PDB file of all heavy atoms in Angstrom:
ATOM      1  N   GLU A   1      -2.149  -0.958   9.348  1.00  0.00           N
ATOM      2  CA  GLU A   1      -2.123  -0.444  10.722  1.00  0.00           C
ATOM      3  C   GLU A   1      -1.149   0.728  10.838  1.00  0.00           C
ATOM      4  O   GLU A   1      -1.444   1.738  11.486  1.00  0.00           O
ATOM      5  CB  GLU A   1      -1.720  -1.557  11.690  1.00  0.00           C
ATOM      6  CG  GLU A   1      -2.776  -2.634  11.876  1.00  0.00           C
ATOM      7  CD  GLU A   1      -2.269  -3.776  12.745  1.00  0.00           C
ATOM      8  OE1 GLU A   1      -1.163  -3.640  13.320  1.00  0.00           O
ATOM      9  OE2 GLU A   1      -2.969  -4.794  12.843  1.00  0.00           O
ATOM     10  N   ILE A   2       0.012   0.590  10.220  1.00  0.00           N
ATOM     11  CA  ILE A   2       1.009   1.671  10.252  1.00  0.00           C
ATOM     12  C   ILE A   2       0.455   2.907   9.564  1.00  0.00           C
ATOM     13  O   ILE A   2       0.607   4.033  10.053  1.00  0.00           O
ATOM     14  CB  ILE A   2       2.319   1.197   9.589  1.00  0.00           C
ATOM     15  CG1 ILE A   2       2.979   0.102  10.428  1.00  0.00           C
ATOM     16  CG2 ILE A   2       3.283   2.366   9.396  1.00  0.00           C
ATOM     17  CD1 ILE A   2       4.134  -0.592   9.733  1.00  0.00           C
ATOM     18  N   ASN A   3      -0.207   2.712   8.438  1.00  0.00           N
ATOM     19  CA  ASN A   3      -0.812   3.838   7.718  1.00  0.00           C
ATOM     20  C   ASN A   3      -1.901   4.509   8.547  1.00  0.00           C
ATOM     21  O   ASN A   3      -2.018   5.750   8.554  1.00  0.00           O
ATOM     22  CB  ASN A   3      -1.380   3.335   6.390  1.00  0.00           C
ATOM     23  CG  ASN A   3      -2.139   4.402   5.635  1.00  0.00           C
ATOM     24  OD1 ASN A   3      -3.360   4.333   5.501  1.00  0.00           O
ATOM     25  ND2 ASN A   3      -1.445   5.406   5.124  1.00  0.00           N
ATOM     26  N   ASN A   4      -2.673   3.732   9.270  1.00  0.00           N
ATOM     27  CA  ASN A   4      -3.747   4.285  10.098  1.00  0.00           C
ATOM     28  C   ASN A   4      -3.215   5.172  11.222  1.00  0.00           C
ATOM     29  O   ASN A   4      -3.965   5.972  11.791  1.00  0.00           O
ATOM     30  CB  ASN A   4      -4.605   3.161  10.684  1.00  0.00           C
ATOM     31  CG  ASN A   4      -5.491   2.500   9.641  1.00  0.00           C
ATOM     32  OD1 ASN A   4      -5.775   3.087   8.598  1.00  0.00           O
ATOM     33  ND2 ASN A   4      -5.929   1.287   9.914  1.00  0.00           N
ATOM     34  N   GLN A   5      -1.944   5.031  11.527  1.00  0.00           N
ATOM     35  CA  GLN A   5      -1.323   5.877  12.541  1.00  0.00           C
ATOM     36  C   GLN A   5      -0.873   7.218  11.955  1.00  0.00           C
ATOM     37  O   GLN A   5      -0.294   8.042  12.661  1.00  0.00           O
ATOM     38  CB  GLN A   5      -0.122   5.159  13.162  1.00  0.00           C
ATOM     39  CG  GLN A   5      -0.500   3.904  13.921  1.00  0.00           C
ATOM     40  CD  GLN A   5       0.705   3.081  14.299  1.00  0.00           C
ATOM     41  OE1 GLN A   5       1.836   3.443  14.002  1.00  0.00           O
ATOM     42  NE2 GLN A   5       0.462   1.964  14.958  1.00  0.00           N
ATOM     43  N   GLY A   6      -1.125   7.412  10.663  1.00  0.00           N
ATOM     44  CA  GLY A   6      -0.801   8.684  10.035  1.00  0.00           C
ATOM     45  C   GLY A   6       0.439   8.679   9.176  1.00  0.00           C
ATOM     46  O   GLY A   6       0.857   9.743   8.691  1.00  0.00           O
ATOM     47  N   ARG A   7       1.041   7.521   8.964  1.00  0.00           N
ATOM     48  CA  ARG A   7       2.260   7.471   8.149  1.00  0.00           C
ATOM     49  C   ARG A   7       1.925   7.190   6.689  1.00  0.00           C
ATOM     50  O   ARG A   7       1.000   6.439   6.371  1.00  0.00           O
ATOM     51  CB  ARG A   7       3.218   6.403   8.672  1.00  0.00           C
ATOM     52  CG  ARG A   7       3.638   6.640  10.113  1.00  0.00           C
ATOM     53  CD  ARG A   7       4.724   5.684  10.527  1.00  0.00           C
ATOM     54  NE  ARG A   7       4.863   5.652  11.972  1.00  0.00           N
ATOM     55  CZ  ARG A   7       5.588   6.504  12.692  1.00  0.00           C
ATOM     56  NH1 ARG A   7       6.257   7.465  12.066  1.00  0.00           N
ATOM     57  NH2 ARG A   7       5.657   6.402  14.004  1.00  0.00           N
ATOM     58  N   THR A   8       2.705   7.785   5.821  1.00  0.00           N
ATOM     59  CA  THR A   8       2.565   7.610   4.379  1.00  0.00           C
ATOM     60  C   THR A   8       3.469   6.457   3.949  1.00  0.00           C
ATOM     61  O   THR A   8       4.596   6.336   4.446  1.00  0.00           O
ATOM     62  CB  THR A   8       2.963   8.908   3.653  1.00  0.00           C
ATOM     63  OG1 THR A   8       2.171   9.983   4.175  1.00  0.00           O
ATOM     64  CG2 THR A   8       2.755   8.794   2.163  1.00  0.00           C
ATOM     65  N   ILE A   9       2.987   5.618   3.018  1.00  0.00           N
ATOM     66  CA  ILE A   9       3.731   4.418   2.644  1.00  0.00           C
ATOM     67  C   ILE A   9       3.780   4.278   1.123  1.00  0.00           C
ATOM     68  O   ILE A   9       2.753   4.372   0.452  1.00  0.00           O
ATOM     69  CB  ILE A   9       3.095   3.156   3.268  1.00  0.00           C
ATOM     70  CG1 ILE A   9       3.036   3.299   4.798  1.00  0.00           C
ATOM     71  CG2 ILE A   9       3.877   1.901   2.880  1.00  0.00           C
ATOM     72  CD1 ILE A   9       2.296   2.183   5.502  1.00  0.00           C
ATOM     73  N   LEU A  10       4.987   4.053   0.617  1.00  0.00           N
ATOM     74  CA  LEU A  10       5.200   3.761  -0.797  1.00  0.00           C
ATOM     75  C   LEU A  10       5.778   2.365  -0.909  1.00  0.00           C
ATOM     76  O   LEU A  10       6.798   2.056  -0.285  1.00  0.00           O
ATOM     77  CB  LEU A  10       6.153   4.782  -1.426  1.00  0.00           C
ATOM     78  CG  LEU A  10       6.512   4.576  -2.902  1.00  0.00           C
ATOM     79  CD1 LEU A  10       5.275   4.662  -3.794  1.00  0.00           C
ATOM     80  CD2 LEU A  10       7.564   5.588  -3.347  1.00  0.00           C
ATOM     81  N   ILE A  11       5.116   1.511  -1.703  1.00  0.00           N
ATOM     82  CA  ILE A  11       5.466   0.091  -1.789  1.00  0.00           C
ATOM     83  C   ILE A  11       5.842  -0.273  -3.221  1.00  0.00           C
ATOM     84  O   ILE A  11       5.164   0.114  -4.172  1.00  0.00           O
ATOM     85  CB  ILE A  11       4.281  -0.794  -1.359  1.00  0.00           C
ATOM     86  CG1 ILE A  11       3.769  -0.401   0.032  1.00  0.00           C
ATOM     87  CG2 ILE A  11       4.657  -2.272  -1.398  1.00  0.00           C
ATOM     88  CD1 ILE A  11       2.459  -1.080   0.405  1.00  0.00           C
ATOM     89  N   VAL A  12       6.909  -1.037  -3.361  1.00  0.00           N
ATOM     90  CA  VAL A  12       7.215  -1.746  -4.599  1.00  0.00           C
ATOM     91  C   VAL A  12       6.891  -3.206  -4.343  1.00  0.00           C
ATOM     92  O   VAL A  12       7.346  -3.776  -3.354  1.00  0.00           O
ATOM     93  CB  VAL A  12       8.701  -1.578  -4.980  1.00  0.00           C
ATOM     94  CG1 VAL A  12       9.106  -2.622  -6.016  1.00  0.00           C
ATOM     95  CG2 VAL A  12       8.972  -0.186  -5.494  1.00  0.00           C
ATOM     96  N   GLU A  13       6.091  -3.824  -5.213  1.00  0.00           N
ATOM     97  CA  GLU A  13       5.609  -5.168  -4.887  1.00  0.00           C
ATOM     98  C   GLU A  13       5.323  -5.996  -6.126  1.00  0.00           C
ATOM     99  O   GLU A  13       4.709  -5.520  -7.077  1.00  0.00           O
ATOM    100  CB  GLU A  13       4.350  -5.059  -4.030  1.00  0.00           C
ATOM    101  CG  GLU A  13       3.785  -6.359  -3.522  1.00  0.00           C
ATOM    102  CD  GLU A  13       4.804  -7.205  -2.774  1.00  0.00           C
ATOM    103  OE1 GLU A  13       5.153  -6.857  -1.644  1.00  0.00           O
ATOM    104  OE2 GLU A  13       5.242  -8.215  -3.369  1.00  0.00           O
ATOM    105  N   GLN A  14       5.770  -7.267  -6.092  1.00  0.00           N
ATOM    106  CA  GLN A  14       5.456  -8.219  -7.151  1.00  0.00           C
ATOM    107  C   GLN A  14       4.076  -8.843  -6.943  1.00  0.00           C
ATOM    108  O   GLN A  14       3.392  -9.173  -7.912  1.00  0.00           O
ATOM    109  CB  GLN A  14       6.519  -9.324  -7.196  1.00  0.00           C
ATOM    110  CG  GLN A  14       7.850  -8.901  -7.820  1.00  0.00           C
ATOM    111  CD  GLN A  14       7.733  -8.606  -9.294  1.00  0.00           C
ATOM    112  OE1 GLN A  14       7.654  -7.448  -9.702  1.00  0.00           O
ATOM    113  NE2 GLN A  14       7.709  -9.625 -10.120  1.00  0.00           N
ATOM    114  N   GLU A  15       3.674  -9.018  -5.687  1.00  0.00           N
ATOM    115  CA  GLU A  15       2.332  -9.549  -5.395  1.00  0.00           C
ATOM    116  C   GLU A  15       1.334  -8.408  -5.571  1.00  0.00           C
ATOM    117  O   GLU A  15       0.811  -7.839  -4.604  1.00  0.00           O
ATOM    118  CB  GLU A  15       2.284 -10.122  -3.982  1.00  0.00           C
ATOM    119  CG  GLU A  15       3.129 -11.352  -3.776  1.00  0.00           C
ATOM    120  CD  GLU A  15       2.560 -12.568  -4.483  1.00  0.00           C
ATOM    121  OE1 GLU A  15       1.349 -12.559  -4.820  1.00  0.00           O
ATOM    122  OE2 GLU A  15       3.315 -13.520  -4.713  1.00  0.00           O
ATOM    123  N   ALA A  16       1.083  -8.099  -6.830  1.00  0.00           N
ATOM    124  CA  ALA A  16       0.362  -6.865  -7.151  1.00  0.00           C
ATOM    125  C   ALA A  16      -1.058  -6.844  -6.622  1.00  0.00           C
ATOM    126  O   ALA A  16      -1.535  -5.810  -6.133  1.00  0.00           O
ATOM    127  CB  ALA A  16       0.361  -6.657  -8.666  1.00  0.00           C
ATOM    128  N   ARG A  17      -1.754  -7.960  -6.705  1.00  0.00           N
ATOM    129  CA  ARG A  17      -3.163  -7.981  -6.287  1.00  0.00           C
ATOM    130  C   ARG A  17      -3.321  -7.585  -4.823  1.00  0.00           C
ATOM    131  O   ARG A  17      -4.108  -6.711  -4.486  1.00  0.00           O
ATOM    132  CB  ARG A  17      -3.764  -9.374  -6.505  1.00  0.00           C
ATOM    133  CG  ARG A  17      -4.148  -9.688  -7.930  1.00  0.00           C
ATOM    134  CD  ARG A  17      -4.881 -11.019  -7.966  1.00  0.00           C
ATOM    135  NE  ARG A  17      -5.119 -11.440  -9.329  1.00  0.00           N
ATOM    136  CZ  ARG A  17      -6.123 -11.012 -10.090  1.00  0.00           C
ATOM    137  NH1 ARG A  17      -6.973 -10.131  -9.599  1.00  0.00           N
ATOM    138  NH2 ARG A  17      -6.269 -11.450 -11.324  1.00  0.00           N
ATOM    139  N   ILE A  18      -2.587  -8.251  -3.955  1.00  0.00           N
ATOM    140  CA  ILE A  18      -2.781  -8.001  -2.531  1.00  0.00           C
ATOM    141  C   ILE A  18      -2.277  -6.615  -2.148  1.00  0.00           C
ATOM    142  O   ILE A  18      -2.865  -5.923  -1.315  1.00  0.00           O
ATOM    143  CB  ILE A  18      -2.116  -9.097  -1.676  1.00  0.00           C
ATOM    144  CG1 ILE A  18      -2.544  -8.939  -0.216  1.00  0.00           C
ATOM    145  CG2 ILE A  18      -0.600  -9.085  -1.806  1.00  0.00           C
ATOM    146  CD1 ILE A  18      -2.217 -10.137   0.644  1.00  0.00           C
ATOM    147  N   ALA A  19      -1.188  -6.164  -2.788  1.00  0.00           N
ATOM    148  CA  ALA A  19      -0.677  -4.828  -2.486  1.00  0.00           C
ATOM    149  C   ALA A  19      -1.681  -3.759  -2.897  1.00  0.00           C
ATOM    150  O   ALA A  19      -1.969  -2.832  -2.128  1.00  0.00           O
ATOM    151  CB  ALA A  19       0.657  -4.613  -3.193  1.00  0.00           C
ATOM    152  N   LEU A  20      -2.239  -3.871  -4.099  1.00  0.00           N
ATOM    153  CA  LEU A  20      -3.224  -2.886  -4.552  1.00  0.00           C
ATOM    154  C   LEU A  20      -4.495  -2.949  -3.713  1.00  0.00           C
ATOM    155  O   LEU A  20      -5.135  -1.924  -3.467  1.00  0.00           O
ATOM    156  CB  LEU A  20      -3.547  -3.109  -6.022  1.00  0.00           C
ATOM    157  CG  LEU A  20      -2.437  -2.742  -7.015  1.00  0.00           C
ATOM    158  CD1 LEU A  20      -2.778  -3.261  -8.411  1.00  0.00           C
ATOM    159  CD2 LEU A  20      -2.193  -1.239  -7.050  1.00  0.00           C
ATOM    160  N   ALA A  21      -4.863  -4.143  -3.265  1.00  0.00           N
ATOM    161  CA  ALA A  21      -6.068  -4.283  -2.440  1.00  0.00           C
ATOM    162  C   ALA A  21      -5.941  -3.557  -1.109  1.00  0.00           C
ATOM    163  O   ALA A  21      -6.950  -3.227  -0.479  1.00  0.00           O
ATOM    164  CB  ALA A  21      -6.363  -5.757  -2.199  1.00  0.00           C
ATOM    165  N   HIS A  22      -4.706  -3.279  -0.694  1.00  0.00           N
ATOM    166  CA  HIS A  22      -4.471  -2.573   0.562  1.00  0.00           C
ATOM    167  C   HIS A  22      -3.955  -1.145   0.321  1.00  0.00           C
ATOM    168  O   HIS A  22      -3.452  -0.513   1.262  1.00  0.00           O
ATOM    169  CB  HIS A  22      -3.454  -3.346   1.413  1.00  0.00           C
ATOM    170  CG  HIS A  22      -3.993  -4.629   1.968  1.00  0.00           C
ATOM    171  ND1 HIS A  22      -3.989  -5.799   1.253  1.00  0.00           N
ATOM    172  CD2 HIS A  22      -4.569  -4.919   3.168  1.00  0.00           C
ATOM    173  CE1 HIS A  22      -4.523  -6.760   1.992  1.00  0.00           C
ATOM    174  NE2 HIS A  22      -4.883  -6.256   3.158  1.00  0.00           N
ATOM    175  N   SER A  23      -4.088  -0.649  -0.900  1.00  0.00           N
ATOM    176  CA  SER A  23      -3.545   0.668  -1.248  1.00  0.00           C
ATOM    177  C   SER A  23      -4.640   1.635  -1.659  1.00  0.00           C
ATOM    178  O   SER A  23      -5.744   1.220  -2.044  1.00  0.00           O
ATOM    179  CB  SER A  23      -2.531   0.538  -2.399  1.00  0.00           C
ATOM    180  OG  SER A  23      -1.448  -0.290  -2.029  1.00  0.00           O
ATOM    181  N   HIS A  24      -4.314   2.910  -1.592  1.00  0.00           N
ATOM    182  CA  HIS A  24      -5.230   3.939  -2.086  1.00  0.00           C
ATOM    183  C   HIS A  24      -5.044   4.164  -3.586  1.00  0.00           C
ATOM    184  O   HIS A  24      -6.027   4.290  -4.329  1.00  0.00           O
ATOM    185  CB  HIS A  24      -4.984   5.265  -1.353  1.00  0.00           C
ATOM    186  CG  HIS A  24      -5.199   5.174   0.126  1.00  0.00           C
ATOM    187  ND1 HIS A  24      -4.160   5.040   1.024  1.00  0.00           N
ATOM    188  CD2 HIS A  24      -6.334   5.173   0.857  1.00  0.00           C
ATOM    189  CE1 HIS A  24      -4.652   4.985   2.261  1.00  0.00           C
ATOM    190  NE2 HIS A  24      -5.959   5.050   2.182  1.00  0.00           N
ATOM    191  N   ARG A  25      -3.797   4.218  -4.030  1.00  0.00           N
ATOM    192  CA  ARG A  25      -3.508   4.439  -5.453  1.00  0.00           C
ATOM    193  C   ARG A  25      -2.363   3.542  -5.888  1.00  0.00           C
ATOM    194  O   ARG A  25      -1.662   2.965  -5.046  1.00  0.00           O
ATOM    195  CB  ARG A  25      -3.124   5.901  -5.717  1.00  0.00           C
ATOM    196  CG  ARG A  25      -4.254   6.903  -5.552  1.00  0.00           C
ATOM    197  CD  ARG A  25      -3.880   8.313  -6.054  1.00  0.00           C
ATOM    198  NE  ARG A  25      -2.677   8.783  -5.409  1.00  0.00           N
ATOM    199  CZ  ARG A  25      -1.491   8.912  -6.008  1.00  0.00           C
ATOM    200  NH1 ARG A  25      -1.351   8.583  -7.289  1.00  0.00           N
ATOM    201  NH2 ARG A  25      -0.450   9.363  -5.337  1.00  0.00           N
ATOM    202  N   GLY A  26      -2.198   3.453  -7.198  1.00  0.00           N
ATOM    203  CA  GLY A  26      -1.118   2.646  -7.731  1.00  0.00           C
ATOM    204  C   GLY A  26      -0.530   3.229  -8.993  1.00  0.00           C
ATOM    205  O   GLY A  26      -1.144   4.071  -9.669  1.00  0.00           O
ATOM    206  N   TYR A  27       0.689   2.790  -9.275  1.00  0.00           N
ATOM    207  CA  TYR A  27       1.387   3.144 -10.514  1.00  0.00           C
ATOM    208  C   TYR A  27       1.818   1.857 -11.203  1.00  0.00           C
ATOM    209  O   TYR A  27       2.253   0.905 -10.542  1.00  0.00           O
ATOM    210  CB  TYR A  27       2.641   3.978 -10.231  1.00  0.00           C
ATOM    211  CG  TYR A  27       2.359   5.417  -9.884  1.00  0.00           C
ATOM    212  CD1 TYR A  27       1.982   5.772  -8.593  1.00  0.00           C
ATOM    213  CD2 TYR A  27       2.455   6.427 -10.840  1.00  0.00           C
ATOM    214  CE1 TYR A  27       1.709   7.089  -8.255  1.00  0.00           C
ATOM    215  CE2 TYR A  27       2.192   7.754 -10.520  1.00  0.00           C
ATOM    216  CZ  TYR A  27       1.824   8.074  -9.223  1.00  0.00           C
ATOM    217  OH  TYR A  27       1.549   9.386  -8.919  1.00  0.00           O
TER     218      TYR A  27
END
């Protein structure tokens, strides 16, 4: 929802599956 408002988001996450499922790209 925050991203849909036009904000860019960078996440560090151990729950990799769910984070990637909600992301455009990953490292």
